[in-house]
Amino acid sequence: MQQGCQNYRRFLFLMFSGTLIFWLFASLTIAQTNSINRPYQPVILDSSFTEFSNNKAAIKELFLYKYTIANNFWEQIPFQFDEVEPDSATPANPTYFRKGDGKLDDQDELVFMARDAGDKAPAAAWIPDASSRSFIRYEIELTDPLAAGNLGYVYLFRSTTLTVLPNVKDYVTYTAPSPNSGNDVVKGQSYEEGHRINGINNSLLVPASAGGSGTDFLDQLKLRFQISVFGFNVPVTEEGFELQSIQIEEGNVRLIRRLNERISVLGNNLPFSIDVLYYGYSVVLATDLNITTNGVNLLRQSVDFESNVSGAKWYNQNITTPVTVDGAPDNLSAQNLAVVQAPNLNWYMLSSSHGSFITVFSLPVGFGSSQKFYYHDAPNNTADGTPDSGANPGSYGDGGLLITGTDIKGRFAITLTSYILGKDQARPVGETLFNQTLKPLTARIAGLRVAVQENPAVAPQHFALQQNSPNPISASTPSTVIRYELPFTSNVPVSLRIFNLLGQNVRELVNAMQPAGGYEAQWDGRLQNGEKAPAGIYFYQLRAGNQVATQKLMVLNR
């Protein structure tokens, strides 16, 4: 018994000593400034905001802010919540195009740009809005897995009185098509994309304001396949697509565009859809085809450019010395055109005097008997024997992917992310965007409710850490609130952390300078890496100045 008590005291000493080291380190890093450097990438998160989701909050009551330490300033930033609902025809499939109820659900998606992240806000700092103090706020901490220690922060508030300020940027704007046509126009921050009558893109320019020439340099997007019938190859190209309808979901960070198309193959009309997601600096093309037709022997997706890109440089992951685009054939080796399959990614880029085009994509495993990059430079034909198309004869830097086989069947799901940037970008830009796409930012979400007593005369008289409520955390109560009181007359460094039975710090809820007042912090039952905390007993410890208080809580299986 005595030996057990000694061991327990030794455990407490080690836990508190380790925590003191954590506190000493944290006190030097409380002022965490934004160090995320991903200007072209969006952040897309599921709605892991337990006190707002599942019909608790209307989406119009939610606002995203960044904080700047230097001037203690809060700023609204562009964001959107896209409601994701079961498809009316196939309920098992989620869709953006079915109207929701306007309330936040767990499956809805929060979208914002990484470039809009700010600094870490002190727990006592709050936007100047009384209504928002009635609700929890969520801190979203972004971490760059490619750069250890690079962090950025945004904050989600709820308010019944706030409105979106008129100076909040629209990253994407939309011009609707003519009647019975697909010739709509989408403008991002770095590009303007136009479309032919069947909705397929056939123009692209980078404005001078984004470092381009302002001149269209795209001939046409190529989407095609080929079927063998009685020994004859029958090609089906994008020019044979028949547009049935366009569906649009528009926000100020991304626009979602669905083309509902039809093609005629051997007398059969086959419907299919193409989803395109437009962001300020990138376009994501997603196709999901279930190929059941016999005899398909070729699939190709590529991007052909205008002859005005002559002199441009073309690279991929295998090519370090650029291929010069000049409308004349090039002799690229099998190694030059080799691709890797999912989960790995491939990339290629064209860098021209009008703008630069960088595409990152994955390929499904085992689809077809041969997969490789497609690249063709020639005055009057294609490399795969399918017909030339587009307004510009021949091929100029026509690059993408090519799949061949004798009887290709199955589900072909592929996503291509294309970044459109200013002219003459160097190869390392393509490598950087490839790596950033391969390893996107990670996010940790923490809730905090703060009710600071502003009148010093009624400040708490004692340092206190209350028992969390509810306790335990369970499937029915997935989060808990921890309340504490600070009696100090000036700001002190405050930390509130969760420890497991081994004395390991598994989650930090508060790390800030705080004045006297009563505070609340929420723990969502997740570890610092975002995973659910395993069932068991945990300790939560409050440190403020030289005072320490510890309480115990429990987590059940969820």
Protein backbone atom coordinates (compact mmCIF):
# COMPACT_ATOMS: atom_id res chain seq x y z
CA MET A 1 0.00 0.00 0.00
CA GLN A 2 2.79 2.40 0.97
CA GLN A 3 4.72 1.49 -2.19
CA GLY A 4 1.58 2.19 -4.28
CA CYS A 5 1.19 5.64 -2.71
CA GLN A 6 4.84 6.41 -3.41
CA ASN A 7 4.39 5.40 -7.05
CA TYR A 8 1.29 7.56 -7.39
CA ARG A 9 3.09 10.58 -5.86
CA ARG A 10 5.99 9.95 -8.24
CA PHE A 11 3.50 9.87 -11.17
CA LEU A 12 1.97 13.18 -10.05
CA PHE A 13 5.40 14.75 -9.68
CA LEU A 14 6.42 13.63 -13.18
CA MET A 15 3.12 14.80 -14.66
CA PHE A 16 3.27 18.23 -13.05
CA SER A 17 7.00 18.60 -13.78
CA GLY A 18 6.41 17.74 -17.41
CA THR A 19 3.51 20.15 -17.54
CA LEU A 20 5.74 22.89 -16.10
CA ILE A 21 8.16 22.34 -18.98
CA PHE A 22 5.25 22.52 -21.42
CA TRP A 23 4.07 25.76 -19.76
CA LEU A 24 7.53 27.35 -19.86
CA PHE A 25 7.78 26.55 -23.56
CA ALA A 26 4.23 27.65 -24.31
CA SER A 27 4.68 30.96 -22.50
CA LEU A 28 7.30 31.83 -25.09
CA THR A 29 5.00 30.97 -28.01
CA ILE A 30 1.64 32.41 -26.96
CA ALA A 31 1.77 35.06 -29.68
CA GLN A 32 1.52 32.64 -32.63
CA THR A 33 1.52 34.60 -35.89
CA ASN A 34 0.32 33.20 -39.18
CA SER A 35 3.06 31.39 -41.09
CA ILE A 36 0.99 29.44 -43.65
CA ASN A 37 2.26 30.08 -47.19
CA ARG A 38 -0.22 28.43 -49.55
CA PRO A 39 -1.73 31.32 -51.50
CA TYR A 40 -3.48 29.24 -54.16
CA GLN A 41 -5.07 26.46 -52.15
CA PRO A 42 -8.58 26.24 -50.69
CA VAL A 43 -9.40 24.58 -47.39
CA ILE A 44 -12.48 22.30 -47.36
CA LEU A 45 -13.72 20.95 -44.04
CA ASP A 46 -16.67 18.85 -42.98
CA SER A 47 -18.85 20.61 -40.41
CA SER A 48 -17.23 19.34 -37.21
CA PHE A 49 -18.87 22.10 -35.20
CA THR A 50 -21.00 20.19 -32.71
CA GLU A 51 -22.74 23.20 -31.12
CA PHE A 52 -23.73 24.63 -34.52
CA SER A 53 -24.49 21.53 -36.61
CA ASN A 54 -27.45 19.15 -36.73
CA ASN A 55 -29.95 21.98 -37.21
CA LYS A 56 -28.75 24.04 -34.21
CA ALA A 57 -27.63 27.04 -36.28
CA ALA A 58 -28.78 28.65 -39.51
CA ILE A 59 -25.93 28.98 -42.00
CA LYS A 60 -26.74 32.68 -42.41
CA GLU A 61 -25.85 33.15 -38.70
CA LEU A 62 -22.25 31.91 -39.19
CA PHE A 63 -19.27 34.15 -39.99
CA LEU A 64 -15.57 33.46 -40.49
CA TYR A 65 -12.90 35.85 -39.20
CA LYS A 66 -9.17 36.17 -39.00
CA TYR A 67 -7.29 37.94 -36.22
CA THR A 68 -4.18 40.12 -36.48
CA ILE A 69 -2.03 40.34 -33.36
CA ALA A 70 -0.15 43.50 -34.39
CA ASN A 71 -3.20 45.75 -34.19
CA ASN A 72 -5.64 43.54 -32.24
CA PHE A 73 -7.94 43.55 -35.28
CA TRP A 74 -10.68 41.15 -36.40
CA GLU A 75 -11.54 40.93 -40.10
CA GLN A 76 -14.31 39.03 -41.88
CA ILE A 77 -12.91 36.74 -44.57
CA PRO A 78 -14.61 35.08 -47.56
CA PHE A 79 -16.10 31.65 -46.85
CA GLN A 80 -19.11 29.54 -47.64
CA PHE A 81 -20.97 26.55 -46.31
CA ASP A 82 -22.10 24.25 -49.12
CA GLU A 83 -25.04 22.13 -48.09
CA VAL A 84 -24.58 18.47 -49.00
CA GLU A 85 -27.83 16.53 -49.30
CA PRO A 86 -28.82 13.00 -50.46
CA ASP A 87 -29.46 12.93 -54.19
CA SER A 88 -33.20 12.71 -54.91
CA ALA A 89 -32.70 10.00 -57.56
CA THR A 90 -30.02 8.00 -55.71
CA PRO A 91 -30.21 8.86 -51.99
CA ALA A 92 -26.99 6.97 -51.24
CA ASN A 93 -25.08 9.55 -53.29
CA PRO A 94 -24.54 13.03 -51.80
CA THR A 95 -25.09 16.10 -53.97
CA TYR A 96 -24.56 19.86 -53.81
CA PHE A 97 -27.52 20.50 -56.08
CA ARG A 98 -30.43 19.52 -53.89
CA LYS A 99 -31.74 22.47 -51.90
CA GLY A 100 -31.14 22.12 -48.16
CA ASP A 101 -32.98 23.60 -45.21
CA GLY A 102 -30.51 26.44 -44.64
CA LYS A 103 -29.29 24.90 -41.37
CA LEU A 104 -25.86 23.45 -40.69
CA ASP A 105 -25.49 19.67 -40.79
CA ASP A 106 -22.44 17.48 -40.18
CA GLN A 107 -22.05 16.60 -43.86
CA ASP A 108 -22.06 20.24 -45.05
CA GLU A 109 -18.72 21.67 -46.17
CA LEU A 110 -16.94 24.80 -44.99
CA VAL A 111 -14.77 26.34 -47.72
CA PHE A 112 -12.24 29.18 -47.42
CA MET A 113 -8.82 30.08 -48.81
CA ALA A 114 -5.63 29.26 -46.91
CA ARG A 115 -4.27 32.69 -47.87
CA ASP A 116 -6.92 34.29 -45.62
CA ALA A 117 -5.68 32.67 -42.39
CA GLY A 118 -4.50 34.97 -39.61
CA ASP A 119 -2.82 34.89 -36.22
CA LYS A 120 -3.84 32.99 -33.08
CA ALA A 121 -6.30 35.07 -31.07
CA PRO A 122 -6.08 35.28 -27.27
CA ALA A 123 -8.96 33.57 -25.52
CA ALA A 124 -10.23 36.91 -24.20
CA ALA A 125 -10.17 38.56 -27.64
CA TRP A 126 -13.59 38.60 -29.27
CA ILE A 127 -15.23 40.27 -32.24
CA PRO A 128 -17.13 43.49 -31.38
CA ASP A 129 -20.56 41.88 -31.51
CA ALA A 130 -22.70 41.29 -28.44
CA SER A 131 -24.79 38.49 -29.98
CA SER A 132 -21.71 36.36 -30.72
CA ARG A 133 -20.86 36.26 -27.00
CA SER A 134 -23.97 34.18 -26.43
CA PHE A 135 -22.46 31.32 -28.45
CA ILE A 136 -19.30 29.30 -28.58
CA ARG A 137 -16.63 30.25 -31.10
CA TYR A 138 -14.54 27.72 -32.98
CA GLU A 139 -10.83 28.11 -33.60
CA ILE A 140 -9.60 26.35 -36.73
CA GLU A 141 -5.85 25.81 -36.54
CA LEU A 142 -4.21 25.03 -39.89
CA THR A 143 -0.93 23.11 -39.98
CA ASP A 144 1.34 22.68 -43.00
CA PRO A 145 2.67 19.08 -43.07
CA LEU A 146 5.41 20.22 -45.47
CA ALA A 147 6.74 22.89 -43.10
CA ALA A 148 6.89 21.91 -39.44
CA GLY A 149 5.66 24.67 -37.16
CA ASN A 150 3.88 26.65 -39.89
CA LEU A 151 0.45 27.48 -38.49
CA GLY A 152 -2.49 29.72 -39.35
CA TYR A 153 -5.84 30.41 -37.71
CA VAL A 154 -9.40 31.32 -38.60
CA TYR A 155 -12.38 31.66 -36.27
CA LEU A 156 -16.00 30.70 -36.78
CA PHE A 157 -18.54 32.84 -34.90
CA ARG A 158 -22.30 32.66 -34.64
CA SER A 159 -24.39 35.81 -34.42
CA THR A 160 -28.02 36.74 -34.97
CA THR A 161 -27.15 40.40 -35.66
CA LEU A 162 -24.06 40.32 -37.91
CA THR A 163 -24.18 40.62 -41.70
CA VAL A 164 -21.56 39.94 -44.36
CA LEU A 165 -19.61 43.16 -44.87
CA PRO A 166 -19.63 44.65 -48.40
CA ASN A 167 -15.82 44.60 -48.66
CA VAL A 168 -15.59 40.79 -48.34
CA LYS A 169 -14.06 39.48 -51.55
CA ASP A 170 -15.74 37.28 -54.14
CA TYR A 171 -13.07 34.87 -55.37
CA VAL A 172 -15.24 33.56 -58.21
CA THR A 173 -17.92 35.26 -60.35
CA TYR A 174 -20.30 33.75 -62.91
CA THR A 175 -21.91 34.95 -66.12
CA ALA A 176 -24.86 32.80 -67.17
CA PRO A 177 -25.03 31.36 -70.72
CA SER A 178 -27.26 32.42 -73.56
CA PRO A 179 -30.64 30.63 -73.75
CA ASN A 180 -30.31 26.94 -74.73
CA SER A 181 -26.52 27.17 -74.66
CA GLY A 182 -23.59 26.26 -72.47
CA ASN A 183 -21.47 29.29 -73.32
CA ASP A 184 -21.23 30.60 -69.75
CA VAL A 185 -18.13 32.34 -68.32
CA VAL A 186 -16.39 31.81 -64.98
CA LYS A 187 -13.89 34.33 -63.62
CA GLY A 188 -11.47 33.56 -60.81
CA GLN A 189 -8.75 35.79 -59.41
CA SER A 190 -6.15 34.54 -61.89
CA TYR A 191 -8.19 33.40 -64.89
CA GLU A 192 -11.26 33.78 -67.08
CA GLU A 193 -12.67 30.59 -68.61
CA GLY A 194 -15.23 30.49 -71.43
CA HIS A 195 -17.17 27.58 -72.94
CA ARG A 196 -18.57 26.46 -76.26
CA ILE A 197 -22.27 25.80 -76.84
CA ASN A 198 -22.10 22.29 -75.32
CA GLY A 199 -20.43 23.56 -72.13
CA ILE A 200 -16.88 22.34 -72.85
CA ASN A 201 -14.21 24.96 -72.16
CA ASN A 202 -12.62 26.48 -75.24
CA SER A 203 -11.11 29.74 -73.97
CA LEU A 204 -8.80 30.65 -71.11
CA LEU A 205 -6.94 33.81 -70.30
CA VAL A 206 -4.89 35.15 -67.41
CA PRO A 207 -5.53 38.89 -66.92
CA ALA A 208 -2.66 41.34 -66.67
CA SER A 209 -3.64 41.95 -63.03
CA ALA A 210 -2.70 38.31 -62.31
CA GLY A 211 0.54 38.39 -64.28
CA GLY A 212 -0.79 37.19 -67.64
CA SER A 213 -1.16 38.75 -71.09
CA GLY A 214 -4.96 38.97 -71.06
CA THR A 215 -5.03 36.93 -74.29
CA ASP A 216 -6.88 33.64 -74.77
CA PHE A 217 -4.34 30.79 -75.08
CA LEU A 218 -6.59 27.69 -74.86
CA ASP A 219 -7.80 25.84 -77.94
CA GLN A 220 -10.04 23.24 -76.24
CA LEU A 221 -10.40 20.70 -73.48
CA LYS A 222 -10.26 17.20 -74.98
CA LEU A 223 -12.42 14.42 -73.49
CA ARG A 224 -12.72 11.36 -75.71
CA PHE A 225 -12.89 7.62 -75.99
CA GLN A 226 -12.82 5.04 -78.77
CA ILE A 227 -14.79 1.83 -79.36
CA SER A 228 -13.83 -1.11 -81.55
CA VAL A 229 -16.80 -2.34 -83.62
CA PHE A 230 -16.27 -5.28 -86.03
CA GLY A 231 -12.59 -4.38 -86.24
CA PHE A 232 -13.21 -0.67 -86.87
CA ASN A 233 -12.37 2.05 -84.33
CA VAL A 234 -15.25 4.46 -83.69
CA PRO A 235 -14.07 7.62 -81.87
CA VAL A 236 -16.35 9.73 -79.65
CA THR A 237 -14.99 13.20 -78.93
CA GLU A 238 -16.04 16.17 -76.83
CA GLU A 239 -17.47 17.84 -79.93
CA GLY A 240 -20.17 15.16 -79.98
CA PHE A 241 -21.34 15.92 -76.44
CA GLU A 242 -24.94 17.12 -76.33
CA LEU A 243 -25.61 19.43 -73.38
CA GLN A 244 -28.87 18.69 -71.57
CA SER A 245 -28.59 21.15 -68.69
CA ILE A 246 -26.20 23.09 -66.46
CA GLN A 247 -26.51 23.17 -62.66
CA ILE A 248 -24.77 25.89 -60.69
CA GLU A 249 -24.09 26.34 -56.96
CA GLU A 250 -22.35 29.67 -56.45
CA GLY A 251 -20.52 31.03 -53.41
CA ASN A 252 -17.84 33.64 -52.94
CA VAL A 253 -14.99 31.10 -52.55
CA ARG A 254 -15.99 28.40 -55.01
CA LEU A 255 -18.51 27.78 -57.75
CA ILE A 256 -19.73 24.25 -58.50
CA ARG A 257 -20.79 23.62 -62.10
CA ARG A 258 -22.36 20.37 -63.28
CA LEU A 259 -22.70 19.60 -66.98
CA ASN A 260 -25.41 17.05 -67.68
CA GLU A 261 -24.41 15.70 -71.09
CA ARG A 262 -25.44 12.99 -73.51
CA ILE A 263 -23.52 11.16 -76.22
CA SER A 264 -24.78 8.94 -78.99
CA VAL A 265 -22.86 5.67 -79.32
CA LEU A 266 -23.92 3.18 -81.98
CA GLY A 267 -27.47 4.48 -81.85
CA ASN A 268 -27.67 4.49 -78.05
CA ASN A 269 -27.97 7.74 -76.08
CA LEU A 270 -25.75 7.57 -73.00
CA PRO A 271 -26.20 10.23 -70.28
CA PHE A 272 -23.31 11.32 -68.04
CA SER A 273 -22.27 14.27 -65.89
CA ILE A 274 -19.10 16.31 -65.47
CA ASP A 275 -18.55 18.24 -62.24
CA VAL A 276 -16.21 21.23 -62.21
CA LEU A 277 -15.30 23.15 -59.05
CA TYR A 278 -13.93 26.65 -59.57
CA TYR A 279 -11.78 28.42 -56.97
CA GLY A 280 -9.93 31.71 -57.17
CA TYR A 281 -6.73 30.26 -58.60
CA SER A 282 -7.62 26.69 -59.58
CA VAL A 283 -10.20 24.54 -61.34
CA VAL A 284 -11.02 20.96 -60.30
CA LEU A 285 -12.48 18.63 -62.93
CA ALA A 286 -14.12 15.48 -61.57
CA THR A 287 -15.47 12.66 -63.71
CA ASP A 288 -16.96 9.38 -62.52
CA LEU A 289 -17.89 7.05 -65.38
CA ASN A 290 -19.09 3.48 -65.12
CA ILE A 291 -18.03 1.97 -68.45
CA THR A 292 -20.12 -1.06 -69.40
CA THR A 293 -20.02 -0.78 -73.22
CA ASN A 294 -18.08 -3.55 -74.96
CA GLY A 295 -15.02 -2.74 -77.01
CA VAL A 296 -13.77 0.50 -75.42
CA ASN A 297 -10.07 0.61 -76.21
CA LEU A 298 -9.02 4.21 -75.54
CA LEU A 299 -9.70 7.03 -73.08
CA ARG A 300 -8.03 10.44 -73.21
CA GLN A 301 -8.25 13.68 -71.28
CA SER A 302 -5.96 16.48 -72.41
CA VAL A 303 -5.71 20.23 -72.82
CA ASP A 304 -4.76 21.64 -76.22
CA PHE A 305 -3.54 25.21 -76.54
CA GLU A 306 -3.59 27.89 -79.21
CA SER A 307 -0.70 28.37 -81.60
CA ASN A 308 0.13 31.61 -79.76
CA VAL A 309 1.82 29.55 -77.03
CA SER A 310 4.61 28.67 -79.47
CA GLY A 311 7.86 28.91 -77.52
CA ALA A 312 6.22 27.81 -74.26
CA LYS A 313 7.85 25.23 -71.99
CA TRP A 314 6.19 21.91 -71.07
CA TYR A 315 7.24 19.80 -68.07
CA ASN A 316 6.02 16.86 -66.06
CA GLN A 317 7.31 14.95 -63.04
CA ASN A 318 9.79 13.08 -65.27
CA ILE A 319 11.00 15.96 -67.45
CA THR A 320 13.39 18.53 -65.97
CA THR A 321 14.72 19.94 -69.24
CA PRO A 322 11.68 21.59 -70.83
CA VAL A 323 10.02 20.45 -74.01
CA THR A 324 9.60 23.50 -76.25
CA VAL A 325 6.11 23.90 -77.70
CA ASP A 326 6.45 24.74 -81.40
CA GLY A 327 3.86 22.72 -83.31
CA ALA A 328 6.48 20.18 -84.41
CA PRO A 329 6.63 16.53 -83.28
CA ASP A 330 8.77 15.61 -80.26
CA ASN A 331 10.32 12.26 -79.53
CA LEU A 332 9.48 11.67 -75.86
CA SER A 333 10.59 8.39 -74.30
CA ALA A 334 8.46 5.91 -72.38
CA GLN A 335 10.19 7.11 -69.21
CA ASN A 336 9.26 10.72 -70.04
CA LEU A 337 5.59 9.68 -70.27
CA ALA A 338 5.45 7.24 -67.34
CA VAL A 339 2.74 7.78 -64.70
CA VAL A 340 2.08 6.49 -61.20
CA GLN A 341 -1.24 5.20 -59.88
CA ALA A 342 -3.37 6.22 -56.90
CA PRO A 343 -2.78 7.11 -54.13
CA ASN A 344 0.24 8.74 -55.74
CA LEU A 345 -0.22 11.82 -57.91
CA ASN A 346 1.09 12.96 -61.29
CA TRP A 347 1.66 16.49 -62.56
CA TYR A 348 2.46 18.44 -65.71
CA MET A 349 2.64 22.11 -66.60
CA LEU A 350 2.74 24.48 -69.54
CA SER A 351 4.51 27.80 -68.96
CA SER A 352 3.87 30.42 -71.65
CA SER A 353 4.06 34.17 -72.20
CA HIS A 354 0.28 34.37 -71.78
CA GLY A 355 -0.09 32.34 -68.58
CA SER A 356 0.86 29.10 -66.88
CA PHE A 357 -1.23 25.95 -66.50
CA ILE A 358 -0.30 23.31 -63.88
CA THR A 359 -2.36 20.12 -63.48
CA VAL A 360 -2.14 17.51 -60.70
CA PHE A 361 -4.08 14.26 -61.02
CA SER A 362 -4.37 10.67 -59.82
CA LEU A 363 -5.07 7.55 -61.87
CA PRO A 364 -7.21 4.59 -60.75
CA VAL A 365 -5.31 1.37 -60.19
CA GLY A 366 -5.51 -1.32 -62.87
CA PHE A 367 -7.72 0.57 -65.29
CA GLY A 368 -6.89 -0.41 -68.87
CA SER A 369 -3.73 -2.23 -69.88
CA SER A 370 -1.63 0.91 -70.41
CA GLN A 371 -1.63 4.31 -68.68
CA LYS A 372 0.69 7.16 -69.58
CA PHE A 373 0.98 10.88 -70.13
CA TYR A 374 -0.40 12.12 -73.41
CA TYR A 375 1.69 14.81 -75.13
CA HIS A 376 1.50 15.97 -78.74
CA ASP A 377 2.94 18.82 -80.76
CA ALA A 378 2.05 18.63 -84.47
CA PRO A 379 0.57 20.86 -87.18
CA ASN A 380 -2.34 18.68 -88.30
CA ASN A 381 -3.10 15.50 -86.34
CA THR A 382 -3.29 13.77 -82.94
CA ALA A 383 -1.04 11.17 -81.30
CA ASP A 384 -3.78 8.60 -80.67
CA GLY A 385 -5.49 8.52 -84.07
CA THR A 386 -8.69 10.23 -82.91
CA PRO A 387 -9.88 13.25 -84.92
CA ASP A 388 -8.40 16.68 -84.30
CA SER A 389 -10.86 19.15 -82.81
CA GLY A 390 -11.05 22.75 -81.72
CA ALA A 391 -10.79 26.01 -83.66
CA ASN A 392 -7.01 25.78 -84.02
CA PRO A 393 -5.70 23.12 -86.48
CA GLY A 394 -3.13 20.74 -85.07
CA SER A 395 -1.83 20.43 -81.51
CA TYR A 396 0.23 22.87 -79.46
CA GLY A 397 1.39 21.52 -76.12
CA ASP A 398 -1.61 19.19 -76.03
CA GLY A 399 -0.98 17.37 -72.74
CA GLY A 400 -2.86 15.13 -70.35
CA LEU A 401 -3.40 11.41 -69.81
CA LEU A 402 -4.01 8.45 -72.11
CA ILE A 403 -5.42 5.01 -71.20
CA THR A 404 -5.57 2.14 -73.68
CA GLY A 405 -6.68 -1.51 -73.61
CA THR A 406 -8.66 -4.07 -75.58
CA ASP A 407 -11.93 -3.98 -73.60
CA ILE A 408 -11.80 -1.29 -70.91
CA LYS A 409 -14.59 -1.64 -68.37
CA GLY A 410 -15.40 -0.57 -64.86
CA ARG A 411 -15.63 2.60 -62.85
CA PHE A 412 -13.36 5.37 -64.04
CA ALA A 413 -13.21 8.05 -61.33
CA ILE A 414 -10.60 10.74 -61.71
CA THR A 415 -9.99 14.22 -60.32
CA LEU A 416 -7.73 16.76 -62.00
CA THR A 417 -6.73 19.96 -60.18
CA SER A 418 -5.45 22.69 -62.51
CA TYR A 419 -3.81 25.86 -61.21
CA ILE A 420 -3.90 28.84 -63.59
CA LEU A 421 -1.22 31.41 -62.79
CA GLY A 422 0.76 34.24 -64.36
CA LYS A 423 3.07 33.89 -67.33
CA ASP A 424 6.41 32.10 -67.48
CA GLN A 425 6.23 30.24 -64.17
CA ALA A 426 9.32 28.13 -63.43
CA ARG A 427 9.26 24.36 -62.96
CA PRO A 428 9.69 24.58 -59.14
CA VAL A 429 6.27 26.27 -58.98
CA GLY A 430 4.76 23.12 -60.48
CA GLU A 431 6.67 20.90 -58.07
CA THR A 432 5.52 23.00 -55.12
CA LEU A 433 1.85 22.84 -56.14
CA PHE A 434 2.16 19.09 -56.70
CA ASN A 435 3.59 18.59 -53.19
CA GLN A 436 0.97 20.86 -51.63
CA THR A 437 -1.83 18.99 -53.39
CA LEU A 438 -0.35 15.66 -52.32
CA LYS A 439 -0.12 16.84 -48.69
CA PRO A 440 -2.91 19.33 -48.01
CA LEU A 441 -3.16 21.44 -44.88
CA THR A 442 -4.49 19.69 -41.81
CA ALA A 443 -7.01 21.33 -39.50
CA ARG A 444 -7.67 21.10 -35.78
CA ILE A 445 -10.96 22.52 -34.50
CA ALA A 446 -11.38 23.70 -30.91
CA GLY A 447 -14.41 25.36 -29.34
CA LEU A 448 -14.22 28.14 -26.75
CA ARG A 449 -16.92 30.05 -24.94
CA VAL A 450 -15.66 33.09 -23.05
CA ALA A 451 -17.66 35.30 -20.74
CA VAL A 452 -15.20 37.89 -19.42
CA GLN A 453 -16.46 40.01 -16.53
CA GLU A 454 -15.68 43.54 -17.65
CA ASN A 455 -16.24 45.27 -14.29
CA PRO A 456 -13.14 44.74 -12.05
CA ALA A 457 -15.26 45.41 -8.99
CA VAL A 458 -17.11 42.14 -9.49
CA ALA A 459 -14.14 40.05 -10.64
CA PRO A 460 -13.89 36.56 -9.08
CA GLN A 461 -12.30 36.52 -5.66
CA HIS A 462 -10.73 33.08 -5.96
CA PHE A 463 -8.79 30.99 -8.44
CA ALA A 464 -11.13 28.11 -9.32
CA LEU A 465 -11.39 25.21 -11.78
CA GLN A 466 -14.85 23.62 -11.80
CA GLN A 467 -15.87 20.07 -12.62
CA ASN A 468 -16.60 19.68 -16.31
CA SER A 469 -20.18 19.26 -17.47
CA PRO A 470 -21.45 16.97 -18.82
CA ASN A 471 -19.26 14.19 -17.46
CA PRO A 472 -18.56 11.65 -18.88
CA ILE A 473 -18.11 12.37 -22.59
CA SER A 474 -20.13 9.78 -24.51
CA ALA A 475 -21.89 9.14 -27.81
CA SER A 476 -24.91 11.11 -26.60
CA THR A 477 -22.80 13.92 -25.07
CA PRO A 478 -19.78 14.19 -27.42
CA SER A 479 -18.41 17.42 -25.90
CA THR A 480 -18.01 18.92 -22.46
CA VAL A 481 -17.63 22.43 -21.01
CA ILE A 482 -14.90 23.36 -18.52
CA ARG A 483 -15.45 26.53 -16.47
CA TYR A 484 -12.81 28.41 -14.52
CA GLU A 485 -12.34 31.72 -12.70
CA LEU A 486 -9.34 34.04 -12.54
CA PRO A 487 -9.09 36.64 -9.74
CA PHE A 488 -5.99 38.42 -11.04
CA THR A 489 -5.98 42.20 -11.59
CA SER A 490 -3.74 42.04 -14.67
CA ASN A 491 -3.23 39.68 -17.60
CA VAL A 492 -1.46 36.43 -16.74
CA PRO A 493 -0.38 33.51 -18.93
CA VAL A 494 -3.13 30.89 -18.78
CA SER A 495 -3.11 27.32 -20.08
CA LEU A 496 -5.80 24.65 -19.94
CA ARG A 497 -4.67 21.21 -21.06
CA ILE A 498 -5.94 17.62 -21.13
CA PHE A 499 -3.64 14.80 -19.93
CA ASN A 500 -4.00 11.03 -20.16
CA LEU A 501 -3.12 8.60 -17.35
CA LEU A 502 0.49 8.48 -18.57
CA GLY A 503 0.83 12.19 -17.93
CA GLN A 504 0.98 12.98 -21.65
CA ASN A 505 -0.50 16.27 -22.84
CA VAL A 506 -3.06 15.10 -25.40
CA ARG A 507 -4.94 18.36 -26.05
CA GLU A 508 -4.41 22.06 -25.42
CA LEU A 509 -7.64 24.05 -25.03
CA VAL A 510 -6.32 27.44 -23.89
CA ASN A 511 -2.89 29.07 -24.22
CA ALA A 512 -3.26 32.82 -23.86
CA MET A 513 -2.86 35.91 -21.73
CA GLN A 514 -6.12 36.46 -19.81
CA PRO A 515 -7.40 39.10 -17.36
CA ALA A 516 -9.69 38.52 -14.39
CA GLY A 517 -13.02 36.95 -15.24
CA GLY A 518 -15.07 33.82 -15.58
CA TYR A 519 -14.31 31.62 -18.57
CA GLU A 520 -15.63 28.56 -20.35
CA ALA A 521 -13.73 26.25 -22.69
CA GLN A 522 -15.19 23.34 -24.63
CA TRP A 523 -13.48 20.01 -25.24
CA ASP A 524 -14.92 18.01 -28.12
CA GLY A 525 -13.35 14.77 -26.90
CA ARG A 526 -10.66 14.81 -29.57
CA LEU A 527 -6.89 14.62 -29.34
CA GLN A 528 -4.53 17.28 -30.68
CA ASN A 529 -4.35 15.42 -34.02
CA GLY A 530 -8.14 15.51 -34.40
CA GLU A 531 -8.75 11.84 -33.60
CA LYS A 532 -11.31 10.81 -30.98
CA ALA A 533 -9.77 10.31 -27.54
CA PRO A 534 -9.87 6.64 -26.48
CA ALA A 535 -12.19 5.72 -23.65
CA GLY A 536 -10.67 6.16 -20.21
CA ILE A 537 -9.86 8.58 -17.40
CA TYR A 538 -8.26 11.95 -18.20
CA PHE A 539 -7.07 14.91 -16.15
CA TYR A 540 -7.53 18.53 -17.13
CA GLN A 541 -5.18 21.08 -15.63
CA LEU A 542 -5.45 24.86 -15.38
CA ARG A 543 -2.33 26.98 -14.92
CA ALA A 544 -2.56 30.73 -14.40
CA GLY A 545 0.52 32.59 -13.24
CA ASN A 546 1.95 30.43 -10.45
CA GLN A 547 -1.35 28.77 -9.54
CA VAL A 548 -2.38 25.28 -10.64
CA ALA A 549 -5.63 23.32 -10.37
CA THR A 550 -6.44 19.83 -11.67
CA GLN A 551 -9.70 17.91 -12.13
CA LYS A 552 -10.58 14.48 -13.48
CA LEU A 553 -13.00 13.56 -16.29
CA MET A 554 -14.05 10.40 -18.07
CA VAL A 555 -14.49 9.45 -21.73
CA LEU A 556 -16.71 6.49 -22.67
CA ASN A 557 -16.66 4.45 -25.86
CA ARG A 558 -18.31 6.35 -28.72
